[in-house]
Amino acid sequence: MRIFLVPVLVIFLIQGSFLNAFIVFIVAGITDALDGFLARILNQKTVLGAYLDPLADKALLISTFVTLSILGIIPAWLTVIVVSRDFVILLGVSVLFFYVCFL
């Protein structure tokens, strides 16, 4: 559901409907927390969920920062730092994965 909320959030931000964008962001956060809670309590972890959950988190965070930066609401350097941090994390996980699998 969070992946589908990303374009809705961006549209609200572009239209200047910041309250609606904030509500969508809060709903996405609540669904993330609820999803994680239920997965742990019910022991319902899937391989697909293990990939989609962080992907949805990154898509929501990066799209929000990029949109706010383009609109001039937050400084571009902050967006660069946040996106770079996620890129470095992804790069580190990829290197670790290839190191473990192929060495």
PDB file of N, CA and C in Angstrom:
ATOM      1  N   MET A   1       0.820  -1.193   0.000  1.00  0.00           N
ATOM      2  CA  MET A   1       0.000   0.000   0.000  1.00  0.00           C
ATOM      3  C   MET A   1       0.869   1.265   0.000  1.00  0.00           C
ATOM      4  N   ARG A   2       2.001   1.212   0.716  1.00  0.00           N
ATOM      5  CA  ARG A   2       2.868   2.398   0.777  1.00  0.00           C
ATOM      6  C   ARG A   2       3.415   2.768  -0.585  1.00  0.00           C
ATOM      7  N   ILE A   3       3.695   1.780  -1.410  1.00  0.00           N
ATOM      8  CA  ILE A   3       4.204   2.067  -2.753  1.00  0.00           C
ATOM      9  C   ILE A   3       3.164   2.835  -3.560  1.00  0.00           C
ATOM     10  N   PHE A   4       1.899   2.501  -3.388  1.00  0.00           N
ATOM     11  CA  PHE A   4       0.837   3.204  -4.100  1.00  0.00           C
ATOM     12  C   PHE A   4       0.573   4.602  -3.533  1.00  0.00           C
ATOM     13  N   LEU A   5       0.982   4.841  -2.290  1.00  0.00           N
ATOM     14  CA  LEU A   5       0.803   6.156  -1.693  1.00  0.00           C
ATOM     15  C   LEU A   5       1.860   7.158  -2.144  1.00  0.00           C
ATOM     16  N   VAL A   6       2.969   6.683  -2.692  1.00  0.00           N
ATOM     17  CA  VAL A   6       4.054   7.574  -3.113  1.00  0.00           C
ATOM     18  C   VAL A   6       3.580   8.586  -4.162  1.00  0.00           C
ATOM     19  N   PRO A   7       2.963   8.153  -5.273  1.00  0.00           N
ATOM     20  CA  PRO A   7       2.526   9.167  -6.250  1.00  0.00           C
ATOM     21  C   PRO A   7       1.443  10.098  -5.697  1.00  0.00           C
ATOM     22  N   VAL A   8       0.592   9.588  -4.825  1.00  0.00           N
ATOM     23  CA  VAL A   8      -0.438  10.427  -4.211  1.00  0.00           C
ATOM     24  C   VAL A   8       0.222  11.517  -3.380  1.00  0.00           C
ATOM     25  N   LEU A   9       1.222  11.154  -2.604  1.00  0.00           N
ATOM     26  CA  LEU A   9       1.949  12.113  -1.785  1.00  0.00           C
ATOM     27  C   LEU A   9       2.619  13.179  -2.655  1.00  0.00           C
ATOM     28  N   VAL A  10       3.279  12.758  -3.712  1.00  0.00           N
ATOM     29  CA  VAL A  10       3.970  13.701  -4.601  1.00  0.00           C
ATOM     30  C   VAL A  10       2.968  14.652  -5.261  1.00  0.00           C
ATOM     31  N   ILE A  11       1.845  14.134  -5.694  1.00  0.00           N
ATOM     32  CA  ILE A  11       0.818  14.986  -6.314  1.00  0.00           C
ATOM     33  C   ILE A  11       0.323  16.032  -5.328  1.00  0.00           C
ATOM     34  N   PHE A  12       0.045  15.620  -4.099  1.00  0.00           N
ATOM     35  CA  PHE A  12      -0.400  16.583  -3.090  1.00  0.00           C
ATOM     36  C   PHE A  12       0.665  17.647  -2.834  1.00  0.00           C
ATOM     37  N   LEU A  13       1.933  17.248  -2.767  1.00  0.00           N
ATOM     38  CA  LEU A  13       3.004  18.215  -2.550  1.00  0.00           C
ATOM     39  C   LEU A  13       3.097  19.206  -3.710  1.00  0.00           C
ATOM     40  N   ILE A  14       3.019  18.715  -4.935  1.00  0.00           N
ATOM     41  CA  ILE A  14       3.105  19.579  -6.111  1.00  0.00           C
ATOM     42  C   ILE A  14       1.936  20.564  -6.147  1.00  0.00           C
ATOM     43  N   GLN A  15       0.757  20.102  -5.735  1.00  0.00           N
ATOM     44  CA  GLN A  15      -0.420  20.965  -5.734  1.00  0.00           C
ATOM     45  C   GLN A  15      -0.430  21.946  -4.564  1.00  0.00           C
ATOM     46  N   GLY A  16       0.502  21.778  -3.641  1.00  0.00           N
ATOM     47  CA  GLY A  16       0.540  22.659  -2.483  1.00  0.00           C
ATOM     48  C   GLY A  16      -0.426  22.263  -1.379  1.00  0.00           C
ATOM     49  N   SER A  17      -0.982  21.069  -1.464  1.00  0.00           N
ATOM     50  CA  SER A  17      -1.895  20.545  -0.438  1.00  0.00           C
ATOM     51  C   SER A  17      -1.071  19.848   0.640  1.00  0.00           C
ATOM     52  N   PHE A  18      -0.384  20.667   1.440  1.00  0.00           N
ATOM     53  CA  PHE A  18       0.562  20.113   2.402  1.00  0.00           C
ATOM     54  C   PHE A  18      -0.112  19.340   3.525  1.00  0.00           C
ATOM     55  N   LEU A  19      -1.304  19.741   3.919  1.00  0.00           N
ATOM     56  CA  LEU A  19      -2.020  18.996   4.957  1.00  0.00           C
ATOM     57  C   LEU A  19      -2.385  17.606   4.447  1.00  0.00           C
ATOM     58  N   ASN A  20      -2.896  17.543   3.221  1.00  0.00           N
ATOM     59  CA  ASN A  20      -3.224  16.233   2.643  1.00  0.00           C
ATOM     60  C   ASN A  20      -1.973  15.378   2.470  1.00  0.00           C
ATOM     61  N   ALA A  21      -0.872  15.997   2.055  1.00  0.00           N
ATOM     62  CA  ALA A  21       0.390  15.262   1.904  1.00  0.00           C
ATOM     63  C   ALA A  21       0.860  14.734   3.253  1.00  0.00           C
ATOM     64  N   PHE A  22       0.723  15.554   4.277  1.00  0.00           N
ATOM     65  CA  PHE A  22       1.111  15.133   5.621  1.00  0.00           C
ATOM     66  C   PHE A  22       0.254  13.957   6.091  1.00  0.00           C
ATOM     67  N   ILE A  23      -1.031  14.009   5.817  1.00  0.00           N
ATOM     68  CA  ILE A  23      -1.939  12.911   6.201  1.00  0.00           C
ATOM     69  C   ILE A  23      -1.541  11.624   5.478  1.00  0.00           C
ATOM     70  N   VAL A  24      -1.246  11.723   4.185  1.00  0.00           N
ATOM     71  CA  VAL A  24      -0.813  10.542   3.418  1.00  0.00           C
ATOM     72  C   VAL A  24       0.489   9.994   3.997  1.00  0.00           C
ATOM     73  N   PHE A  25       1.421  10.887   4.357  1.00  0.00           N
ATOM     74  CA  PHE A  25       2.686  10.455   4.941  1.00  0.00           C
ATOM     75  C   PHE A  25       2.457   9.744   6.274  1.00  0.00           C
ATOM     76  N   ILE A  26       1.563  10.276   7.099  1.00  0.00           N
ATOM     77  CA  ILE A  26       1.239   9.647   8.386  1.00  0.00           C
ATOM     78  C   ILE A  26       0.581   8.287   8.169  1.00  0.00           C
ATOM     79  N   VAL A  27      -0.336   8.203   7.211  1.00  0.00           N
ATOM     80  CA  VAL A  27      -0.995   6.924   6.908  1.00  0.00           C
ATOM     81  C   VAL A  27       0.047   5.900   6.454  1.00  0.00           C
ATOM     82  N   ALA A  28       0.989   6.335   5.629  1.00  0.00           N
ATOM     83  CA  ALA A  28       2.052   5.430   5.179  1.00  0.00           C
ATOM     84  C   ALA A  28       2.887   4.950   6.361  1.00  0.00           C
ATOM     85  N   GLY A  29       3.191   5.844   7.276  1.00  0.00           N
ATOM     86  CA  GLY A  29       3.950   5.458   8.466  1.00  0.00           C
ATOM     87  C   GLY A  29       3.196   4.483   9.343  1.00  0.00           C
ATOM     88  N   ILE A  30       1.907   4.720   9.510  1.00  0.00           N
ATOM     89  CA  ILE A  30       1.081   3.818  10.328  1.00  0.00           C
ATOM     90  C   ILE A  30       0.993   2.444   9.677  1.00  0.00           C
ATOM     91  N   THR A  31       0.805   2.400   8.360  1.00  0.00           N
ATOM     92  CA  THR A  31       0.729   1.100   7.690  1.00  0.00           C
ATOM     93  C   THR A  31       2.067   0.366   7.769  1.00  0.00           C
ATOM     94  N   ASP A  32       3.177   1.110   7.730  1.00  0.00           N
ATOM     95  CA  ASP A  32       4.496   0.492   7.875  1.00  0.00           C
ATOM     96  C   ASP A  32       4.640  -0.124   9.263  1.00  0.00           C
ATOM     97  N   ALA A  33       4.267   0.628  10.285  1.00  0.00           N
ATOM     98  CA  ALA A  33       4.364   0.122  11.662  1.00  0.00           C
ATOM     99  C   ALA A  33       3.440  -1.071  11.873  1.00  0.00           C
ATOM    100  N   LEU A  34       2.229  -0.973  11.370  1.00  0.00           N
ATOM    101  CA  LEU A  34       1.258  -2.064  11.525  1.00  0.00           C
ATOM    102  C   LEU A  34       1.721  -3.320  10.793  1.00  0.00           C
ATOM    103  N   ASP A  35       2.260  -3.134   9.596  1.00  0.00           N
ATOM    104  CA  ASP A  35       2.766  -4.259   8.819  1.00  0.00           C
ATOM    105  C   ASP A  35       3.904  -4.968   9.552  1.00  0.00           C
ATOM    106  N   GLY A  36       4.842  -4.188  10.069  1.00  0.00           N
ATOM    107  CA  GLY A  36       5.960  -4.782  10.810  1.00  0.00           C
ATOM    108  C   GLY A  36       5.513  -5.465  12.082  1.00  0.00           C
ATOM    109  N   PHE A  37       4.581  -4.841  12.787  1.00  0.00           N
ATOM    110  CA  PHE A  37       4.065  -5.412  14.035  1.00  0.00           C
ATOM    111  C   PHE A  37       3.363  -6.739  13.773  1.00  0.00           C
ATOM    112  N   LEU A  38       2.471  -6.753  12.780  1.00  0.00           N
ATOM    113  CA  LEU A  38       1.733  -7.984  12.476  1.00  0.00           C
ATOM    114  C   LEU A  38       2.662  -9.081  11.956  1.00  0.00           C
ATOM    115  N   ALA A  39       3.657  -8.715  11.163  1.00  0.00           N
ATOM    116  CA  ALA A  39       4.596  -9.721  10.649  1.00  0.00           C
ATOM    117  C   ALA A  39       5.361 -10.382  11.788  1.00  0.00           C
ATOM    118  N   ARG A  40       5.743  -9.594  12.794  1.00  0.00           N
ATOM    119  CA  ARG A  40       6.479 -10.169  13.935  1.00  0.00           C
ATOM    120  C   ARG A  40       5.566 -10.989  14.838  1.00  0.00           C
ATOM    121  N   ILE A  41       4.419 -10.439  15.168  1.00  0.00           N
ATOM    122  CA  ILE A  41       3.507 -11.122  16.086  1.00  0.00           C
ATOM    123  C   ILE A  41       2.975 -12.422  15.489  1.00  0.00           C
ATOM    124  N   LEU A  42       2.600 -12.373  14.211  1.00  0.00           N
ATOM    125  CA  LEU A  42       2.015 -13.547  13.562  1.00  0.00           C
ATOM    126  C   LEU A  42       3.063 -14.427  12.882  1.00  0.00           C
ATOM    127  N   ASN A  43       4.334 -14.013  12.980  1.00  0.00           N
ATOM    128  CA  ASN A  43       5.429 -14.754  12.353  1.00  0.00           C
ATOM    129  C   ASN A  43       5.142 -15.004  10.865  1.00  0.00           C
ATOM    130  N   GLN A  44       4.770 -13.947  10.175  1.00  0.00           N
ATOM    131  CA  GLN A  44       4.387 -14.036   8.764  1.00  0.00           C
ATOM    132  C   GLN A  44       5.361 -13.248   7.901  1.00  0.00           C
ATOM    133  N   LYS A  45       6.587 -13.681   7.849  1.00  0.00           N
ATOM    134  CA  LYS A  45       7.595 -13.003   7.050  1.00  0.00           C
ATOM    135  C   LYS A  45       7.740 -13.717   5.716  1.00  0.00           C
ATOM    136  N   THR A  46       7.798 -12.926   4.627  1.00  0.00           N
ATOM    137  CA  THR A  46       7.955 -13.498   3.295  1.00  0.00           C
ATOM    138  C   THR A  46       9.171 -12.878   2.627  1.00  0.00           C
ATOM    139  N   VAL A  47       9.691 -13.571   1.632  1.00  0.00           N
ATOM    140  CA  VAL A  47      10.827 -13.056   0.874  1.00  0.00           C
ATOM    141  C   VAL A  47      10.408 -11.802   0.112  1.00  0.00           C
ATOM    142  N   LEU A  48       9.225 -11.834  -0.488  1.00  0.00           N
ATOM    143  CA  LEU A  48       8.728 -10.668  -1.221  1.00  0.00           C
ATOM    144  C   LEU A  48       8.579  -9.468  -0.295  1.00  0.00           C
ATOM    145  N   GLY A  49       8.048  -9.684   0.876  1.00  0.00           N
ATOM    146  CA  GLY A  49       7.890  -8.605   1.851  1.00  0.00           C
ATOM    147  C   GLY A  49       9.226  -8.050   2.307  1.00  0.00           C
ATOM    148  N   ALA A  50      10.219  -8.917   2.410  1.00  0.00           N
ATOM    149  CA  ALA A  50      11.555  -8.477   2.821  1.00  0.00           C
ATOM    150  C   ALA A  50      12.173  -7.540   1.789  1.00  0.00           C
ATOM    151  N   TYR A  51      11.788  -7.677   0.523  1.00  0.00           N
ATOM    152  CA  TYR A  51      12.281  -6.778  -0.513  1.00  0.00           C
ATOM    153  C   TYR A  51      11.398  -5.537  -0.664  1.00  0.00           C
ATOM    154  N   LEU A  52      10.083  -5.735  -0.619  1.00  0.00           N
ATOM    155  CA  LEU A  52       9.172  -4.621  -0.867  1.00  0.00           C
ATOM    156  C   LEU A  52       9.121  -3.609   0.276  1.00  0.00           C
ATOM    157  N   ASP A  53       9.277  -4.054   1.512  1.00  0.00           N
ATOM    158  CA  ASP A  53       9.182  -3.144   2.644  1.00  0.00           C
ATOM    159  C   ASP A  53      10.261  -2.058   2.598  1.00  0.00           C
ATOM    160  N   PRO A  54      11.544  -2.417   2.486  1.00  0.00           N
ATOM    161  CA  PRO A  54      12.550  -1.350   2.393  1.00  0.00           C
ATOM    162  C   PRO A  54      12.434  -0.538   1.105  1.00  0.00           C
ATOM    163  N   LEU A  55      11.995  -1.181   0.016  1.00  0.00           N
ATOM    164  CA  LEU A  55      11.809  -0.460  -1.240  1.00  0.00           C
ATOM    165  C   LEU A  55      10.733   0.620  -1.085  1.00  0.00           C
ATOM    166  N   ALA A  56       9.640   0.264  -0.435  1.00  0.00           N
ATOM    167  CA  ALA A  56       8.565   1.236  -0.206  1.00  0.00           C
ATOM    168  C   ALA A  56       9.046   2.371   0.691  1.00  0.00           C
ATOM    169  N   ASP A  57       9.812   2.043   1.718  1.00  0.00           N
ATOM    170  CA  ASP A  57      10.356   3.073   2.614  1.00  0.00           C
ATOM    171  C   ASP A  57      11.257   4.040   1.854  1.00  0.00           C
ATOM    172  N   LYS A  58      12.154   3.494   1.042  1.00  0.00           N
ATOM    173  CA  LYS A  58      13.078   4.336   0.284  1.00  0.00           C
ATOM    174  C   LYS A  58      12.325   5.183  -0.734  1.00  0.00           C
ATOM    175  N   ALA A  59      11.364   4.597  -1.423  1.00  0.00           N
ATOM    176  CA  ALA A  59      10.599   5.341  -2.425  1.00  0.00           C
ATOM    177  C   ALA A  59       9.847   6.501  -1.788  1.00  0.00           C
ATOM    178  N   LEU A  60       9.243   6.258  -0.639  1.00  0.00           N
ATOM    179  CA  LEU A  60       8.496   7.312   0.048  1.00  0.00           C
ATOM    180  C   LEU A  60       9.423   8.419   0.519  1.00  0.00           C
ATOM    181  N   LEU A  61      10.506   8.057   1.146  1.00  0.00           N
ATOM    182  CA  LEU A  61      11.432   9.049   1.694  1.00  0.00           C
ATOM    183  C   LEU A  61      12.112   9.858   0.586  1.00  0.00           C
ATOM    184  N   ILE A  62      12.649   9.177  -0.406  1.00  0.00           N
ATOM    185  CA  ILE A  62      13.384   9.867  -1.464  1.00  0.00           C
ATOM    186  C   ILE A  62      12.455  10.744  -2.298  1.00  0.00           C
ATOM    187  N   SER A  63      11.280  10.238  -2.648  1.00  0.00           N
ATOM    188  CA  SER A  63      10.364  11.050  -3.449  1.00  0.00           C
ATOM    189  C   SER A  63       9.905  12.287  -2.683  1.00  0.00           C
ATOM    190  N   THR A  64       9.714  12.151  -1.384  1.00  0.00           N
ATOM    191  CA  THR A  64       9.315  13.302  -0.573  1.00  0.00           C
ATOM    192  C   THR A  64      10.428  14.339  -0.535  1.00  0.00           C
ATOM    193  N   PHE A  65      11.645  13.913  -0.271  1.00  0.00           N
ATOM    194  CA  PHE A  65      12.765  14.853  -0.208  1.00  0.00           C
ATOM    195  C   PHE A  65      13.014  15.521  -1.554  1.00  0.00           C
ATOM    196  N   VAL A  66      12.997  14.753  -2.630  1.00  0.00           N
ATOM    197  CA  VAL A  66      13.247  15.325  -3.958  1.00  0.00           C
ATOM    198  C   VAL A  66      12.157  16.332  -4.324  1.00  0.00           C
ATOM    199  N   THR A  67      10.905  15.982  -4.067  1.00  0.00           N
ATOM    200  CA  THR A  67       9.806  16.895  -4.392  1.00  0.00           C
ATOM    201  C   THR A  67       9.890  18.179  -3.576  1.00  0.00           C
ATOM    202  N   LEU A  68      10.135  18.049  -2.272  1.00  0.00           N
ATOM    203  CA  LEU A  68      10.248  19.240  -1.433  1.00  0.00           C
ATOM    204  C   LEU A  68      11.438  20.095  -1.846  1.00  0.00           C
ATOM    205  N   SER A  69      12.499  19.473  -2.296  1.00  0.00           N
ATOM    206  CA  SER A  69      13.681  20.210  -2.746  1.00  0.00           C
ATOM    207  C   SER A  69      13.391  20.947  -4.053  1.00  0.00           C
ATOM    208  N   ILE A  70      12.748  20.279  -4.981  1.00  0.00           N
ATOM    209  CA  ILE A  70      12.397  20.911  -6.255  1.00  0.00           C
ATOM    210  C   ILE A  70      11.460  22.094  -6.025  1.00  0.00           C
ATOM    211  N   LEU A  71      10.553  21.964  -5.077  1.00  0.00           N
ATOM    212  CA  LEU A  71       9.625  23.053  -4.767  1.00  0.00           C
ATOM    213  C   LEU A  71      10.296  24.186  -3.995  1.00  0.00           C
ATOM    214  N   GLY A  72      11.534  23.967  -3.558  1.00  0.00           N
ATOM    215  CA  GLY A  72      12.268  24.990  -2.842  1.00  0.00           C
ATOM    216  C   GLY A  72      11.908  25.087  -1.368  1.00  0.00           C
ATOM    217  N   ILE A  73      11.280  24.075  -0.840  1.00  0.00           N
ATOM    218  CA  ILE A  73      10.854  24.088   0.560  1.00  0.00           C
ATOM    219  C   ILE A  73      11.991  23.659   1.480  1.00  0.00           C
ATOM    220  N   ILE A  74      12.797  22.739   1.016  1.00  0.00           N
ATOM    221  CA  ILE A  74      13.991  22.345   1.770  1.00  0.00           C
ATOM    222  C   ILE A  74      15.206  22.568   0.874  1.00  0.00           C
ATOM    223  N   PRO A  75      16.374  22.770   1.465  1.00  0.00           N
ATOM    224  CA  PRO A  75      17.559  23.020   0.633  1.00  0.00           C
ATOM    225  C   PRO A  75      17.997  21.756  -0.122  1.00  0.00           C
ATOM    226  N   ALA A  76      18.534  21.979  -1.302  1.00  0.00           N
ATOM    227  CA  ALA A  76      18.970  20.863  -2.153  1.00  0.00           C
ATOM    228  C   ALA A  76      20.069  20.049  -1.488  1.00  0.00           C
ATOM    229  N   TRP A  77      20.959  20.693  -0.727  1.00  0.00           N
ATOM    230  CA  TRP A  77      22.055  19.958  -0.093  1.00  0.00           C
ATOM    231  C   TRP A  77      21.536  18.912   0.883  1.00  0.00           C
ATOM    232  N   LEU A  78      20.407  19.198   1.532  1.00  0.00           N
ATOM    233  CA  LEU A  78      19.821  18.233   2.462  1.00  0.00           C
ATOM    234  C   LEU A  78      19.318  17.002   1.705  1.00  0.00           C
ATOM    235  N   THR A  79      18.694  17.246   0.567  1.00  0.00           N
ATOM    236  CA  THR A  79      18.216  16.133  -0.266  1.00  0.00           C
ATOM    237  C   THR A  79      19.384  15.292  -0.753  1.00  0.00           C
ATOM    238  N   VAL A  80      20.450  15.939  -1.160  1.00  0.00           N
ATOM    239  CA  VAL A  80      21.638  15.210  -1.627  1.00  0.00           C
ATOM    240  C   VAL A  80      22.189  14.328  -0.507  1.00  0.00           C
ATOM    241  N   ILE A  81      22.237  14.848   0.708  1.00  0.00           N
ATOM    242  CA  ILE A  81      22.743  14.063   1.835  1.00  0.00           C
ATOM    243  C   ILE A  81      21.862  12.845   2.098  1.00  0.00           C
ATOM    244  N   VAL A  82      20.543  13.051   2.120  1.00  0.00           N
ATOM    245  CA  VAL A  82      19.621  11.946   2.415  1.00  0.00           C
ATOM    246  C   VAL A  82      19.675  10.880   1.318  1.00  0.00           C
ATOM    247  N   VAL A  83      19.638  11.309   0.062  1.00  0.00           N
ATOM    248  CA  VAL A  83      19.671  10.346  -1.046  1.00  0.00           C
ATOM    249  C   VAL A  83      21.024   9.641  -1.087  1.00  0.00           C
ATOM    250  N   SER A  84      22.103  10.380  -0.852  1.00  0.00           N
ATOM    251  CA  SER A  84      23.439   9.767  -0.838  1.00  0.00           C
ATOM    252  C   SER A  84      23.564   8.736   0.275  1.00  0.00           C
ATOM    253  N   ARG A  85      23.006   9.046   1.435  1.00  0.00           N
ATOM    254  CA  ARG A  85      23.056   8.094   2.555  1.00  0.00           C
ATOM    255  C   ARG A  85      22.363   6.791   2.165  1.00  0.00           C
ATOM    256  N   ASP A  86      21.180   6.891   1.551  1.00  0.00           N
ATOM    257  CA  ASP A  86      20.472   5.681   1.123  1.00  0.00           C
ATOM    258  C   ASP A  86      21.252   4.933   0.052  1.00  0.00           C
ATOM    259  N   PHE A  87      21.899   5.680  -0.842  1.00  0.00           N
ATOM    260  CA  PHE A  87      22.706   5.046  -1.880  1.00  0.00           C
ATOM    261  C   PHE A  87      23.896   4.307  -1.278  1.00  0.00           C
ATOM    262  N   VAL A  88      24.549   4.918  -0.314  1.00  0.00           N
ATOM    263  CA  VAL A  88      25.699   4.281   0.340  1.00  0.00           C
ATOM    264  C   VAL A  88      25.258   3.018   1.084  1.00  0.00           C
ATOM    265  N   ILE A  89      24.117   3.083   1.751  1.00  0.00           N
ATOM    266  CA  ILE A  89      23.596   1.893   2.439  1.00  0.00           C
ATOM    267  C   ILE A  89      23.318   0.780   1.436  1.00  0.00           C
ATOM    268  N   LEU A  90      22.671   1.122   0.332  1.00  0.00           N
ATOM    269  CA  LEU A  90      22.367   0.133  -0.699  1.00  0.00           C
ATOM    270  C   LEU A  90      23.639  -0.445  -1.300  1.00  0.00           C
ATOM    271  N   LEU A  91      24.621   0.402  -1.528  1.00  0.00           N
ATOM    272  CA  LEU A  91      25.898  -0.062  -2.058  1.00  0.00           C
ATOM    273  C   LEU A  91      26.588  -0.999  -1.079  1.00  0.00           C
ATOM    274  N   GLY A  92      26.575  -0.654   0.202  1.00  0.00           N
ATOM    275  CA  GLY A  92      27.185  -1.506   1.219  1.00  0.00           C
ATOM    276  C   GLY A  92      26.521  -2.862   1.317  1.00  0.00           C
ATOM    277  N   VAL A  93      25.212  -2.889   1.278  1.00  0.00           N
ATOM    278  CA  VAL A  93      24.474  -4.160   1.325  1.00  0.00           C
ATOM    279  C   VAL A  93      24.781  -4.986   0.083  1.00  0.00           C
ATOM    280  N   SER A  94      24.868  -4.334  -1.073  1.00  0.00           N
ATOM    281  CA  SER A  94      25.170  -5.057  -2.313  1.00  0.00           C
ATOM    282  C   SER A  94      26.569  -5.668  -2.278  1.00  0.00           C
ATOM    283  N   VAL A  95      27.539  -4.899  -1.809  1.00  0.00           N
ATOM    284  CA  VAL A  95      28.907  -5.417  -1.711  1.00  0.00           C
ATOM    285  C   VAL A  95      28.957  -6.597  -0.742  1.00  0.00           C
ATOM    286  N   LEU A  96      28.297  -6.454   0.387  1.00  0.00           N
ATOM    287  CA  LEU A  96      28.262  -7.537   1.370  1.00  0.00           C
ATOM    288  C   LEU A  96      27.595  -8.779   0.789  1.00  0.00           C
ATOM    289  N   PHE A  97      26.509  -8.597   0.061  1.00  0.00           N
ATOM    290  CA  PHE A  97      25.799  -9.719  -0.565  1.00  0.00           C
ATOM    291  C   PHE A  97      26.708 -10.459  -1.543  1.00  0.00           C
ATOM    292  N   PHE A  98      27.377  -9.696  -2.421  1.00  0.00           N
ATOM    293  CA  PHE A  98      28.257 -10.344  -3.398  1.00  0.00           C
ATOM    294  C   PHE A  98      29.466 -10.985  -2.733  1.00  0.00           C
ATOM    295  N   TYR A  99      29.964 -10.391  -1.686  1.00  0.00           N
ATOM    296  CA  TYR A  99      31.100 -10.942  -0.951  1.00  0.00           C
ATOM    297  C   TYR A  99      30.721 -12.279  -0.326  1.00  0.00           C
ATOM    298  N   VAL A 100      29.550 -12.334   0.296  1.00  0.00           N
ATOM    299  CA  VAL A 100      29.106 -13.565   0.961  1.00  0.00           C
ATOM    300  C   VAL A 100      28.740 -14.647  -0.050  1.00  0.00           C
ATOM    301  N   CYS A 101      28.103 -14.253  -1.134  1.00  0.00           N
ATOM    302  CA  CYS A 101      27.626 -15.250  -2.106  1.00  0.00           C
ATOM    303  C   CYS A 101      28.716 -15.774  -3.038  1.00  0.00           C
ATOM    304  N   PHE A 102      29.688 -14.962  -3.340  1.00  0.00           N
ATOM    305  CA  PHE A 102      30.643 -15.360  -4.373  1.00  0.00           C
ATOM    306  C   PHE A 102      32.058 -15.577  -3.869  1.00  0.00           C
ATOM    307  N   LEU A 103      32.291 -15.425  -2.583  1.00  0.00           N
ATOM    308  CA  LEU A 103      33.644 -15.680  -2.076  1.00  0.00           C
ATOM    309  C   LEU A 103      33.645 -16.792  -1.066  1.00  0.00           C
TER     310      LEU A 103
END
